[in-house]
C-alpha atoms as a PDB file:
ATOM      1  CA  TYR A   1      16.775  21.544  16.385  1.00  0.00           C
ATOM      2  CA  GLY A   2      12.990  21.269  16.546  1.00  0.00           C
ATOM      3  CA  GLN A   3      10.597  20.693  13.699  1.00  0.00           C
ATOM      4  CA  LEU A   4       9.566  22.903  10.785  1.00  0.00           C
ATOM      5  CA  ALA A   5       5.828  22.527  10.118  1.00  0.00           C
ATOM      6  CA  PRO A   6       4.095  23.708   6.890  1.00  0.00           C
ATOM      7  CA  ARG A   7       2.313  26.543   8.705  1.00  0.00           C
ATOM      8  CA  ASP A   8       5.659  27.857   9.958  1.00  0.00           C
ATOM      9  CA  VAL A   9       6.369  28.645   6.299  1.00  0.00           C
ATOM     10  CA  TRP A  10       2.823  29.250   5.007  1.00  0.00           C
ATOM     11  CA  PRO A  11       0.801  30.549   7.980  1.00  0.00           C
ATOM     12  CA  ASN A  12      -2.399  30.853   5.904  1.00  0.00           C
ATOM     13  CA  LEU A  13      -2.240  27.303   4.528  1.00  0.00           C
ATOM     14  CA  GLN A  14      -5.687  25.671   4.772  1.00  0.00           C
ATOM     15  CA  VAL A  15      -5.604  22.665   2.416  1.00  0.00           C
ATOM     16  CA  MET A  16      -2.930  20.192   1.392  1.00  0.00           C
ATOM     17  CA  ALA A  17      -3.518  17.957  -1.641  1.00  0.00           C
ATOM     18  CA  CYS A  18      -1.456  14.782  -1.910  1.00  0.00           C
ATOM     19  CA  TRP A  19      -1.710  11.051  -2.425  1.00  0.00           C
ATOM     20  CA  THR A  20      -3.761   9.507   0.399  1.00  0.00           C
ATOM     21  CA  GLY A  21      -4.641   6.107  -1.039  1.00  0.00           C
ATOM     22  CA  GLY A  22      -2.676   2.909  -1.639  1.00  0.00           C
ATOM     23  CA  SER A  23       0.685   2.655   0.151  1.00  0.00           C
ATOM     24  CA  ALA A  24       0.639   6.429   0.774  1.00  0.00           C
ATOM     25  CA  SER A  25      -2.127   5.934   3.333  1.00  0.00           C
ATOM     26  CA  ALA A  26       0.473   4.449   5.689  1.00  0.00           C
ATOM     27  CA  TYR A  27       1.863   7.956   6.263  1.00  0.00           C
ATOM     28  CA  ILE A  28      -1.350   9.968   6.600  1.00  0.00           C
ATOM     29  CA  SER A  29      -1.565   9.716  10.416  1.00  0.00           C
ATOM     30  CA  ARG A  30       1.965  11.145  10.707  1.00  0.00           C
ATOM     31  CA  LEU A  31       1.135  13.837   8.147  1.00  0.00           C
ATOM     32  CA  ARG A  32      -1.920  14.879  10.159  1.00  0.00           C
ATOM     33  CA  GLU A  33       0.307  15.391  13.218  1.00  0.00           C
ATOM     34  CA  ILE A  34       2.633  17.646  11.276  1.00  0.00           C
ATOM     35  CA  CYS A  35      -0.247  19.439   9.503  1.00  0.00           C
ATOM     36  CA  GLU A  36      -2.521  19.948  12.486  1.00  0.00           C
ATOM     37  CA  GLY A  37      -5.457  22.144  11.553  1.00  0.00           C
ATOM     38  CA  ILE A  38      -4.844  21.736   7.784  1.00  0.00           C
ATOM     39  CA  THR A  39      -7.371  19.847   5.693  1.00  0.00           C
ATOM     40  CA  ILE A  40      -5.743  16.947   3.847  1.00  0.00           C
ATOM     41  CA  CYS A  41      -7.336  16.167   0.511  1.00  0.00           C
ATOM     42  CA  ASP A  42      -6.541  13.480  -2.032  1.00  0.00           C
ATOM     43  CA  HIS A  43      -5.799  14.980  -5.447  1.00  0.00           C
ATOM     44  CA  GLY A  44      -7.402  12.167  -7.387  1.00  0.00           C
ATOM     45  CA  LEU A  45      -6.117   9.188  -9.361  1.00  0.00           C
ATOM     46  CA  HIS A  46      -4.262  10.212 -12.478  1.00  0.00           C
ATOM     47  CA  ALA A  47      -1.271   9.215 -14.573  1.00  0.00           C
ATOM     48  CA  SER A  48       0.410  10.335 -17.784  1.00  0.00           C
ATOM     49  CA  GLU A  49      -2.119   8.197 -19.671  1.00  0.00           C
ATOM     50  CA  GLY A  50      -5.048  10.176 -18.279  1.00  0.00           C
ATOM     51  CA  ARG A  51      -7.011  11.386 -15.275  1.00  0.00           C
ATOM     52  CA  MET A  52      -9.316   8.817 -13.717  1.00  0.00           C
ATOM     53  CA  THR A  53     -10.938  10.272 -10.586  1.00  0.00           C
ATOM     54  CA  MET A  54     -11.832  13.672  -9.160  1.00  0.00           C
ATOM     55  CA  PRO A  55     -11.874  14.238  -5.365  1.00  0.00           C
ATOM     56  CA  LEU A  56     -15.227  15.392  -3.991  1.00  0.00           C
ATOM     57  CA  ALA A  57     -14.497  15.435  -0.261  1.00  0.00           C
ATOM     58  CA  ALA A  58     -11.585  15.727   2.149  1.00  0.00           C
ATOM     59  CA  GLU A  59     -10.310  12.991   4.462  1.00  0.00           C
ATOM     60  CA  THR A  60     -11.024  10.209   1.955  1.00  0.00           C
ATOM     61  CA  SER A  61      -8.989   8.739  -0.868  1.00  0.00           C
ATOM     62  CA  ALA A  62     -12.101   7.938  -2.905  1.00  0.00           C
ATOM     63  CA  GLY A  63     -13.012  10.170  -5.838  1.00  0.00           C
ATOM     64  CA  MET A  64     -15.650  10.294  -8.532  1.00  0.00           C
ATOM     65  CA  LEU A  65     -14.842   8.682 -11.885  1.00  0.00           C
ATOM     66  CA  GLU A  66     -13.877  11.371 -14.418  1.00  0.00           C
ATOM     67  CA  ILE A  67     -16.682  10.435 -16.812  1.00  0.00           C
ATOM     68  CA  GLY A  68     -16.208  13.569 -18.938  1.00  0.00           C
ATOM     69  CA  THR A  69     -12.588  12.885 -19.933  1.00  0.00           C
ATOM     70  CA  HIS A  70     -12.275   9.299 -21.214  1.00  0.00           C
ATOM     71  CA  PHE A  71     -14.248   6.103 -21.703  1.00  0.00           C
ATOM     72  CA  PHE A  72     -13.768   3.656 -18.821  1.00  0.00           C
ATOM     73  CA  GLU A  73     -14.392  -0.059 -18.491  1.00  0.00           C
ATOM     74  CA  PHE A  74     -13.650  -2.293 -15.524  1.00  0.00           C
ATOM     75  CA  LEU A  75     -12.282  -5.812 -15.141  1.00  0.00           C
ATOM     76  CA  PRO A  76     -13.128  -7.582 -11.861  1.00  0.00           C
ATOM     77  CA  VAL A  77      -9.877  -8.595 -10.153  1.00  0.00           C
ATOM     78  CA  GLU A  78     -11.025 -12.162  -9.629  1.00  0.00           C
ATOM     79  CA  LYS A  79     -11.614 -12.496 -13.393  1.00  0.00           C
ATOM     80  CA  ALA A  80      -8.252 -11.044 -14.450  1.00  0.00           C
ATOM     81  CA  ASP A  81      -6.818 -14.449 -15.454  1.00  0.00           C
ATOM     82  CA  SER A  82      -9.894 -15.536 -17.382  1.00  0.00           C
ATOM     83  CA  PRO A  83      -9.300 -16.035 -21.148  1.00  0.00           C
ATOM     84  CA  ASP A  84     -12.549 -14.238 -21.947  1.00  0.00           C
ATOM     85  CA  PRO A  85     -13.536 -12.049 -18.967  1.00  0.00           C
ATOM     86  CA  HIS A  86     -16.779 -10.095 -18.826  1.00  0.00           C
ATOM     87  CA  VAL A  87     -15.879  -6.398 -18.775  1.00  0.00           C
ATOM     88  CA  LEU A  88     -18.171  -3.987 -16.893  1.00  0.00           C
ATOM     89  CA  SER A  89     -19.286  -0.423 -17.585  1.00  0.00           C
ATOM     90  CA  ALA A  90     -19.004   2.238 -14.876  1.00  0.00           C
ATOM     91  CA  TRP A  91     -22.648   1.974 -13.827  1.00  0.00           C
ATOM     92  CA  GLU A  92     -22.370  -1.802 -13.373  1.00  0.00           C
ATOM     93  CA  LEU A  93     -19.835  -1.693 -10.513  1.00  0.00           C
ATOM     94  CA  THR A  94     -20.642  -3.073  -7.071  1.00  0.00           C
ATOM     95  CA  PRO A  95     -19.600  -1.207  -3.897  1.00  0.00           C
ATOM     96  CA  GLY A  96     -16.937  -3.118  -2.041  1.00  0.00           C
ATOM     97  CA  ARG A  97     -15.649  -4.974  -5.107  1.00  0.00           C
ATOM     98  CA  GLU A  98     -12.198  -4.479  -6.661  1.00  0.00           C
ATOM     99  CA  TYR A  99     -11.438  -3.831 -10.338  1.00  0.00           C
ATOM    100  CA  TYR A 100      -8.735  -3.105 -12.867  1.00  0.00           C
ATOM    101  CA  ILE A 101      -9.356   0.099 -14.894  1.00  0.00           C
ATOM    102  CA  LEU A 102      -9.403  -0.223 -18.707  1.00  0.00           C
ATOM    103  CA  LEU A 103      -8.807   3.151 -20.354  1.00  0.00           C
ATOM    104  CA  THR A 104      -9.910   4.291 -23.813  1.00  0.00           C
ATOM    105  CA  THR A 105      -8.812   7.833 -24.691  1.00  0.00           C
ATOM    106  CA  SER A 106      -8.950  10.291 -27.569  1.00  0.00           C
ATOM    107  CA  SER A 107      -5.143  10.169 -27.737  1.00  0.00           C
ATOM    108  CA  GLY A 108      -5.208   6.586 -28.974  1.00  0.00           C
ATOM    109  CA  PHE A 109      -5.327   4.232 -26.016  1.00  0.00           C
ATOM    110  CA  TYR A 110      -7.907   1.488 -26.486  1.00  0.00           C
ATOM    111  CA  ARG A 111      -8.942  -0.642 -23.504  1.00  0.00           C
ATOM    112  CA  TYR A 112      -5.532   0.037 -22.002  1.00  0.00           C
ATOM    113  CA  ASN A 113      -5.029  -1.836 -18.729  1.00  0.00           C
ATOM    114  CA  ILE A 114      -3.100   0.674 -16.657  1.00  0.00           C
ATOM    115  CA  ARG A 115      -2.740  -2.045 -13.968  1.00  0.00           C
ATOM    116  CA  ASP A 116      -4.291   0.099 -11.255  1.00  0.00           C
ATOM    117  CA  VAL A 117      -6.509  -1.810  -8.823  1.00  0.00           C
ATOM    118  CA  VAL A 118      -9.381   0.287  -7.437  1.00  0.00           C
ATOM    119  CA  ARG A 119     -12.255  -0.379  -5.057  1.00  0.00           C
ATOM    120  CA  CYS A 120     -15.744   0.957  -5.624  1.00  0.00           C
ATOM    121  CA  THR A 121     -16.924   2.658  -2.439  1.00  0.00           C
ATOM    122  CA  GLY A 122     -20.308   3.850  -3.682  1.00  0.00           C
ATOM    123  CA  PHE A 123     -21.863   6.209  -6.246  1.00  0.00           C
ATOM    124  CA  HIS A 124     -22.317   9.903  -6.785  1.00  0.00           C
ATOM    125  CA  GLY A 125     -25.436   9.895  -8.949  1.00  0.00           C
ATOM    126  CA  ASP A 126     -24.647   7.290 -11.601  1.00  0.00           C
ATOM    127  CA  ALA A 127     -20.879   7.822 -11.416  1.00  0.00           C
ATOM    128  CA  PRO A 128     -18.917   5.377  -9.217  1.00  0.00           C
ATOM    129  CA  LEU A 129     -16.673   6.524  -6.375  1.00  0.00           C
ATOM    130  CA  LEU A 130     -13.297   4.776  -6.584  1.00  0.00           C
ATOM    131  CA  GLU A 131     -10.321   4.514  -4.279  1.00  0.00           C
ATOM    132  CA  PHE A 132      -6.872   3.436  -5.461  1.00  0.00           C
ATOM    133  CA  LEU A 133      -5.537   0.316  -3.736  1.00  0.00           C
ATOM    134  CA  HIS A 134      -2.342  -0.746  -5.467  1.00  0.00           C
ATOM    135  CA  LYS A 135      -0.679  -1.626  -8.736  1.00  0.00           C
ATOM    136  CA  GLY A 136      -1.551  -5.082 -10.026  1.00  0.00           C
ATOM    137  CA  ALA A 137       2.108  -6.123  -9.793  1.00  0.00           C
ATOM    138  CA  HIS A 138       2.109  -5.565  -6.022  1.00  0.00           C
ATOM    139  CA  ILE A 139       0.664  -8.958  -5.127  1.00  0.00           C
ATOM    140  CA  SER A 140       2.556 -11.758  -3.399  1.00  0.00           C
ATOM    141  CA  SER A 141       1.625 -15.428  -3.413  1.00  0.00           C
ATOM    142  CA  ILE A 142       3.687 -18.331  -2.061  1.00  0.00           C
ATOM    143  CA  THR A 143       0.914 -20.908  -1.679  1.00  0.00           C
ATOM    144  CA  GLY A 144      -1.998 -19.185  -3.421  1.00  0.00           C
ATOM    145  CA  GLU A 145      -2.757 -16.563  -0.737  1.00  0.00           C
ATOM    146  CA  LYS A 146      -2.429 -13.586  -3.135  1.00  0.00           C
ATOM    147  CA  ILE A 147      -1.638 -10.875  -0.575  1.00  0.00           C
ATOM    148  CA  SER A 148      -1.971  -7.346  -1.983  1.00  0.00           C
ATOM    149  CA  GLU A 149      -0.010  -4.278  -0.922  1.00  0.00           C
ATOM    150  CA  SER A 150      -3.223  -2.546   0.131  1.00  0.00           C
ATOM    151  CA  GLN A 151      -4.066  -5.420   2.502  1.00  0.00           C
ATOM    152  CA  VAL A 152      -0.629  -5.100   4.116  1.00  0.00           C
ATOM    153  CA  VAL A 153      -1.008  -1.356   4.543  1.00  0.00           C
ATOM    154  CA  GLU A 154      -4.511  -1.710   6.023  1.00  0.00           C
ATOM    155  CA  ALA A 155      -3.357  -4.463   8.404  1.00  0.00           C
ATOM    156  CA  VAL A 156      -0.363  -2.519   9.673  1.00  0.00           C
ATOM    157  CA  ARG A 157      -2.384   0.716  10.113  1.00  0.00           C
ATOM    158  CA  ALA A 158      -5.000  -1.156  12.129  1.00  0.00           C
ATOM    159  CA  ALA A 159      -2.315  -2.808  14.262  1.00  0.00           C
ATOM    160  CA  GLN A 160      -0.740   0.599  14.924  1.00  0.00           C
ATOM    161  CA  ALA A 161      -4.089   1.997  16.057  1.00  0.00           C
ATOM    162  CA  ASP A 162      -4.685  -0.975  18.362  1.00  0.00           C
ATOM    163  CA  SER A 163      -1.177  -1.136  19.838  1.00  0.00           C
ATOM    164  CA  GLY A 164      -0.055   2.494  19.901  1.00  0.00           C
ATOM    165  CA  LEU A 165       3.206   1.371  18.293  1.00  0.00           C
ATOM    166  CA  CYS A 166       4.298   3.733  15.508  1.00  0.00           C
ATOM    167  CA  THR A 167       6.472   2.605  12.627  1.00  0.00           C
ATOM    168  CA  THR A 168       7.456   5.236  10.072  1.00  0.00           C
ATOM    169  CA  GLN A 169       8.515   2.760   7.392  1.00  0.00           C
ATOM    170  CA  PHE A 170       7.672  -0.885   6.785  1.00  0.00           C
ATOM    171  CA  THR A 171       7.986  -3.495   4.061  1.00  0.00           C
ATOM    172  CA  MET A 172       6.641  -7.026   4.004  1.00  0.00           C
ATOM    173  CA  THR A 173       8.299  -9.713   1.872  1.00  0.00           C
ATOM    174  CA  PRO A 174       7.970 -13.508   1.423  1.00  0.00           C
ATOM    175  CA  GLU A 175      10.739 -15.674   2.847  1.00  0.00           C
ATOM    176  CA  TRP A 176      11.577 -19.361   2.688  1.00  0.00           C
ATOM    177  CA  LEU A 177      13.222 -20.247   5.992  1.00  0.00           C
ATOM    178  CA  ASP A 178      12.303 -23.365   7.996  1.00  0.00           C
ATOM    179  CA  GLN A 179       8.776 -22.815   6.729  1.00  0.00           C
ATOM    180  CA  PRO A 180       7.580 -20.395   4.033  1.00  0.00           C
ATOM    181  CA  GLY A 181       5.975 -17.228   5.340  1.00  0.00           C
ATOM    182  CA  TYR A 182       6.305 -13.462   5.482  1.00  0.00           C
ATOM    183  CA  THR A 183       8.616 -11.097   7.321  1.00  0.00           C
ATOM    184  CA  LEU A 184       7.584  -7.543   8.167  1.00  0.00           C
ATOM    185  CA  TYR A 185      10.572  -5.191   8.284  1.00  0.00           C
ATOM    186  CA  VAL A 186       9.868  -2.058  10.327  1.00  0.00           C
ATOM    187  CA  ASP A 187      11.598   1.197  11.198  1.00  0.00           C
ATOM    188  CA  LEU A 188      11.203   1.877  14.908  1.00  0.00           C
ATOM    189  CA  ARG A 189      12.745   5.174  16.062  1.00  0.00           C
ATOM    190  CA  ARG A 190      12.592   4.372  19.745  1.00  0.00           C
ATOM    191  CA  HIS A 191      13.508   1.300  21.796  1.00  0.00           C
ATOM    192  CA  THR A 192      10.711  -1.203  21.808  1.00  0.00           C
ATOM    193  CA  GLU A 193      10.409  -4.175  24.184  1.00  0.00           C
ATOM    194  CA  SER A 194      10.167  -7.660  22.682  1.00  0.00           C
ATOM    195  CA  THR A 195       6.704  -8.094  24.212  1.00  0.00           C
ATOM    196  CA  GLN A 196       5.498  -5.013  22.296  1.00  0.00           C
ATOM    197  CA  LEU A 197       6.928  -6.426  19.069  1.00  0.00           C
ATOM    198  CA  GLU A 198       5.234  -9.766  19.717  1.00  0.00           C
ATOM    199  CA  ARG A 199       1.872  -8.092  20.262  1.00  0.00           C
ATOM    200  CA  PHE A 200       2.296  -5.961  17.169  1.00  0.00           C
ATOM    201  CA  ALA A 201       3.171  -8.988  15.039  1.00  0.00           C
ATOM    202  CA  SER A 202       0.110 -10.786  16.452  1.00  0.00           C
ATOM    203  CA  LEU A 203      -2.156  -7.843  15.623  1.00  0.00           C
ATOM    204  CA  VAL A 204      -0.855  -7.579  12.046  1.00  0.00           C
ATOM    205  CA  GLU A 205      -1.419 -11.323  11.659  1.00  0.00           C
ATOM    206  CA  GLN A 206      -4.999 -11.045  12.890  1.00  0.00           C
ATOM    207  CA  GLN A 207      -5.737  -8.079  10.655  1.00  0.00           C
ATOM    208  CA  LEU A 208      -4.284  -9.756   7.575  1.00  0.00           C
ATOM    209  CA  CYS A 209      -6.287 -12.941   8.268  1.00  0.00           C
ATOM    210  CA  SER A 210      -9.474 -10.870   8.509  1.00  0.00           C
ATOM    211  CA  ARG A 211      -8.756  -9.226   5.121  1.00  0.00           C
ATOM    212  CA  ASN A 212      -7.560 -12.232   3.146  1.00  0.00           C
ATOM    213  CA  GLU A 213      -9.502 -15.492   3.371  1.00  0.00           C
ATOM    214  CA  GLU A 214      -6.875 -17.453   1.450  1.00  0.00           C
ATOM    215  CA  TYR A 215      -4.121 -16.267   3.758  1.00  0.00           C
ATOM    216  CA  ARG A 216      -6.187 -17.231   6.799  1.00  0.00           C
ATOM    217  CA  GLU A 217      -6.814 -20.717   5.364  1.00  0.00           C
ATOM    218  CA  LYS A 218      -3.092 -21.222   4.575  1.00  0.00           C
ATOM    219  CA  ARG A 219      -2.188 -20.235   8.122  1.00  0.00           C
ATOM    220  CA  GLN A 220      -4.794 -22.548   9.645  1.00  0.00           C
ATOM    221  CA  THR A 221      -3.516 -25.511   7.640  1.00  0.00           C
ATOM    222  CA  GLY A 222       0.118 -24.748   8.422  1.00  0.00           C
ATOM    223  CA  ARG A 223       1.214 -24.088   4.858  1.00  0.00           C
ATOM    224  CA  LEU A 224       2.419 -20.645   5.885  1.00  0.00           C
ATOM    225  CA  SER A 225       4.233 -19.714   9.077  1.00  0.00           C
ATOM    226  CA  ALA A 226       3.158 -16.768  11.203  1.00  0.00           C
ATOM    227  CA  ILE A 227       4.451 -13.309  10.346  1.00  0.00           C
ATOM    228  CA  ARG A 228       7.977 -12.617  11.481  1.00  0.00           C
ATOM    229  CA  MET A 229       8.912  -9.082  12.458  1.00  0.00           C
ATOM    230  CA  ARG A 230      12.324  -7.480  12.238  1.00  0.00           C
ATOM    231  CA  ALA A 231      13.289  -3.951  13.280  1.00  0.00           C
ATOM    232  CA  LEU A 232      15.891  -2.175  11.143  1.00  0.00           C
ATOM    233  CA  PRO A 233      17.707   1.113  11.765  1.00  0.00           C
ATOM    234  CA  GLU A 234      16.768   4.295   9.931  1.00  0.00           C
ATOM    235  CA  SER A 235      19.953   4.077   7.851  1.00  0.00           C
ATOM    236  CA  ALA A 236      18.755   0.841   6.282  1.00  0.00           C
ATOM    237  CA  TRP A 237      15.673   2.515   4.861  1.00  0.00           C
ATOM    238  CA  GLN A 238      17.745   5.381   3.482  1.00  0.00           C
ATOM    239  CA  THR A 239      19.970   2.850   1.758  1.00  0.00           C
ATOM    240  CA  LEU A 240      16.929   1.079   0.351  1.00  0.00           C
ATOM    241  CA  GLN A 241      15.633   4.317  -1.178  1.00  0.00           C
ATOM    242  CA  GLN A 242      19.041   5.181  -2.674  1.00  0.00           C
ATOM    243  CA  THR A 243      19.448   1.680  -4.106  1.00  0.00           C
ATOM    244  CA  ARG A 244      15.987   1.660  -5.719  1.00  0.00           C
ATOM    245  CA  LEU A 245      16.412   5.170  -7.136  1.00  0.00           C
ATOM    246  CA  LYS A 246      19.783   4.263  -8.620  1.00  0.00           C
ATOM    247  CA  LYS A 247      18.206   1.221 -10.276  1.00  0.00           C
ATOM    248  CA  SER A 248      15.185   3.085 -11.616  1.00  0.00           C
ATOM    249  CA  GLY A 249      16.972   6.291 -12.537  1.00  0.00           C
ATOM    250  CA  GLY A 250      14.228   8.353 -10.886  1.00  0.00           C
ATOM    251  CA  SER A 251      14.391  11.315  -8.503  1.00  0.00           C
ATOM    252  CA  ALA A 252      13.667  11.425  -4.780  1.00  0.00           C
ATOM    253  CA  GLU A 253      10.354  13.164  -5.518  1.00  0.00           C
ATOM    254  CA  GLN A 254       9.273  10.167  -7.640  1.00  0.00           C
ATOM    255  CA  TYR A 255      10.180   7.540  -5.082  1.00  0.00           C
ATOM    256  CA  LYS A 256       7.323   5.351  -3.891  1.00  0.00           C
ATOM    257  CA  HIS A 257       8.232   3.228  -0.900  1.00  0.00           C
ATOM    258  CA  PRO A 258       7.234  -0.440  -1.351  1.00  0.00           C
ATOM    259  CA  CYS A 259       5.091  -1.711   1.519  1.00  0.00           C
ATOM    260  CA  LEU A 260       5.011  -5.164  -0.099  1.00  0.00           C
ATOM    261  CA  MET A 261       7.884  -6.660  -2.092  1.00  0.00           C
ATOM    262  CA  PRO A 262       6.763  -9.939  -3.769  1.00  0.00           C
ATOM    263  CA  ASP A 263      10.310 -10.843  -4.821  1.00  0.00           C
ATOM    264  CA  PRO A 264      11.681 -13.484  -2.398  1.00  0.00           C
ATOM    265  CA  GLU A 265      15.241 -12.303  -3.205  1.00  0.00           C
ATOM    266  CA  PHE A 266      14.424  -8.882  -1.744  1.00  0.00           C
ATOM    267  CA  ARG A 267      15.519  -9.952   1.743  1.00  0.00           C
ATOM    268  CA  SER A 268      19.068 -10.934   0.836  1.00  0.00           C
ATOM    269  CA  VAL A 269      19.566  -8.023  -1.605  1.00  0.00           C
ATOM    270  CA  PHE A 270      18.149  -5.492   0.903  1.00  0.00           C
ATOM    271  CA  LEU A 271      20.168  -6.645   3.869  1.00  0.00           C
ATOM    272  CA  GLN A 272      23.362  -6.956   1.850  1.00  0.00           C
ATOM    273  CA  ALA A 273      22.946  -3.444   0.476  1.00  0.00           C
ATOM    274  CA  CYS A 274      22.452  -2.135   4.010  1.00  0.00           C
ATOM    275  CA  GLY A 275      25.476  -4.003   5.355  1.00  0.00           C
ATOM    276  CA  LEU A 276      23.276  -6.059   7.669  1.00  0.00           C
ATOM    277  CA  ALA A 277      23.475  -9.455   5.972  1.00  0.00           C
ATOM    278  CA  GLY A 278      25.629 -10.981   8.683  1.00  0.00           C
ATOM    279  CA  GLU A 279      24.203  -9.169  11.695  1.00  0.00           C
ATOM    280  CA  PRO A 280      21.643 -10.629  14.111  1.00  0.00           C
ATOM    281  CA  LEU A 281      18.396  -8.694  13.815  1.00  0.00           C
ATOM    282  CA  ARG A 282      15.760  -8.176  16.424  1.00  0.00           C
ATOM    283  CA  GLN A 283      13.027 -10.654  15.508  1.00  0.00           C
ATOM    284  CA  THR A 284       9.775 -11.905  16.825  1.00  0.00           C
ATOM    285  CA  HIS A 285       7.366 -14.500  15.533  1.00  0.00           C
ATOM    286  CA  LEU A 286       4.272 -16.292  16.828  1.00  0.00           C
END
């Protein structure tokens, strides 16, 4: 039946504004294929509590801190568990470092931790440029490795670029099998040889090790097994979306696909909901 592209409906469309950071970045390469010739621009980081960044350029998820709307403070991620952490002002941020945003607004929020983790990518004048990474809750740790959803997304995107293997959906989750470790569930629309899966799993492993020193150390000492990879049919991902929407009570437009599920029970619940609990699944591991 072919494919309906945005310009088939809106021939004069020049710019598309959407989420491009965090887990949404996993879909940007596919979106660019569908929206060839259309500039894709992030619409900034905002929530019902307030607007936090304003986009200044296309093809980047980083935006300038909205210094004219609220008062912002920042908590370094590595200090989040400290009983008396040193909170930073906007001009004190360091490019490359990650922070929680603390929001003080005229509507009554005072130092509200919205639980958004952002990375400072530089400055525009004295205002920091920030890119959204993930919600603070989207962190998984079995042995102290503290893997974030943004690290998983970046690792898979890099592995896709290196291997040419395209997965439209993926979710990583911790599992306790013979040895604790992580399984990457993927949606592969075409048949893929086991050797391709093995190489892809190896590339994701390498990329994750390069982004997370604690994960690399746990792998080197054998406390974590190598990443396992399992391919699931498209119907499984549709069932996952329906199950999560039913639980949350949200709409399809509000659905945010989880690229990292820290809950170790996710595997059994997910496979049972999809009717795959007793079926052998295509798997590869290092």
